[in-house]
Protein backbone atom coordinates (compact mmCIF):
# COMPACT_ATOMS: atom_id res chain seq x y z
CA MET A 1 0.00 0.00 0.00
CA PRO A 2 1.44 3.43 -0.87
CA ALA A 3 2.46 5.86 1.85
CA SER A 4 0.31 8.59 0.35
CA MET A 5 -2.38 9.20 -2.18
CA VAL A 6 -2.98 12.49 -3.97
CA VAL A 7 -6.13 13.19 -5.96
CA ARG A 8 -6.11 16.34 -8.07
CA SER A 9 -9.07 18.37 -9.22
CA LYS A 10 -9.57 19.69 -12.75
CA MET A 11 -8.09 22.97 -11.49
CA PRO A 12 -4.28 22.55 -11.72
CA ASP A 13 -3.52 24.44 -8.50
CA ASP A 14 -6.05 22.70 -6.25
CA VAL A 15 -5.17 19.54 -4.35
CA VAL A 16 -8.46 17.96 -3.41
CA THR A 17 -7.40 15.16 -1.08
CA ILE A 18 -4.21 13.87 0.50
CA PHE A 19 -4.25 10.81 2.73
CA VAL A 20 -1.08 9.62 4.46
CA LEU A 21 -1.52 6.02 5.46
CA PRO A 22 0.36 4.41 8.35
CA PRO A 23 3.06 3.44 8.65
CA SER A 24 4.75 6.55 7.36
CA ALA A 25 7.95 8.40 8.14
CA PRO A 26 7.40 10.44 11.32
CA ASP A 27 7.67 13.77 9.54
CA LEU A 28 6.10 12.81 6.20
CA LYS A 29 2.84 14.62 6.92
CA SER A 30 4.63 17.85 7.89
CA ARG A 31 6.88 17.63 4.85
CA LEU A 32 3.88 17.19 2.51
CA VAL A 33 2.13 20.26 3.93
CA ARG A 34 5.32 22.35 3.82
CA ARG A 35 5.96 21.23 0.24
CA ALA A 36 2.42 22.30 -0.73
CA GLU A 37 3.00 25.66 0.97
CA SER A 38 6.29 26.16 -0.89
CA HIS A 39 4.63 25.32 -4.20
CA ALA A 40 1.79 27.73 -3.47
CA ARG A 41 4.23 30.55 -2.57
CA GLN A 42 6.18 29.98 -5.79
CA ARG A 43 2.93 30.36 -7.73
CA GLY A 44 2.08 33.64 -5.97
CA ALA A 45 -0.45 32.43 -3.40
CA ALA A 46 -0.87 34.57 -0.30
CA GLN A 47 -2.87 32.05 1.73
CA MET A 48 -3.42 28.33 2.21
CA VAL A 49 -6.88 27.00 3.02
CA LEU A 50 -7.38 23.44 4.25
CA TRP A 51 -10.59 21.56 4.96
CA SER A 52 -10.36 18.61 7.35
CA ASP A 53 -12.99 16.13 8.48
CA THR A 54 -14.07 16.90 12.04
CA ARG A 55 -13.02 13.37 13.07
CA PHE A 56 -9.36 13.82 11.99
CA THR A 57 -8.08 15.26 15.28
CA THR A 58 -4.47 14.17 14.65
CA ALA A 59 -4.46 16.21 11.44
CA HIS A 60 -5.94 19.19 13.30
CA ARG A 61 -3.06 19.10 15.80
CA LEU A 62 -0.56 18.97 12.92
CA TYR A 63 -2.14 21.97 11.18
CA SER A 64 -2.07 23.91 14.43
CA ARG A 65 1.63 23.10 14.95
CA LEU A 66 2.33 24.30 11.40
CA GLY A 67 0.70 27.67 12.05
CA TYR A 68 -2.82 27.15 10.70
CA ALA A 69 -5.77 28.75 12.48
CA ARG A 70 -9.09 26.94 12.65
CA ILE A 71 -11.87 29.21 11.46
CA ASP A 72 -15.19 29.14 13.33
CA GLY A 73 -17.93 26.99 11.89
CA GLN A 74 -17.91 23.97 9.65
CA ARG A 75 -19.30 22.79 6.35
CA GLN A 76 -21.49 19.76 5.78
CA LEU A 77 -20.75 17.53 2.80
CA ALA A 78 -23.40 15.69 0.85
CA ASP A 79 -21.39 12.48 0.82
CA ILE A 80 -22.44 9.00 1.89
CA SER A 81 -21.03 9.56 5.41
CA GLN A 82 -22.66 12.99 5.82
CA SER A 83 -19.19 14.29 6.74
CA ALA A 84 -18.54 17.65 8.35
CA GLU A 85 -15.30 19.58 7.89
CA TYR A 86 -13.43 22.35 9.68
CA ARG A 87 -11.66 25.14 7.76
CA PHE A 88 -8.02 25.96 8.51
CA GLU A 89 -6.16 28.99 7.14
CA LYS A 90 -2.58 30.22 7.07
CA ALA A 91 -1.04 33.33 5.52
CA LEU A 92 1.97 32.49 3.39
């Protein structure tokens, strides 16, 4: 099984989903986020916006450690699991 999976949208600058599956290198998740930030900066982005399922508390701690702020509220998805997501933002 691969260590990570990336699914891209039809928009070339939008990463839709990244899952890092265990076991992974201890800092792989941080490196992936930092790499995405670097890529975004190089392309002129001023901000990163992440959406994370409300159940992914480990990811939320990572985003917080990397300087992301959780924005109040959440969005409901119309998927089979009726998922809810939190928004995280960081100025680049």
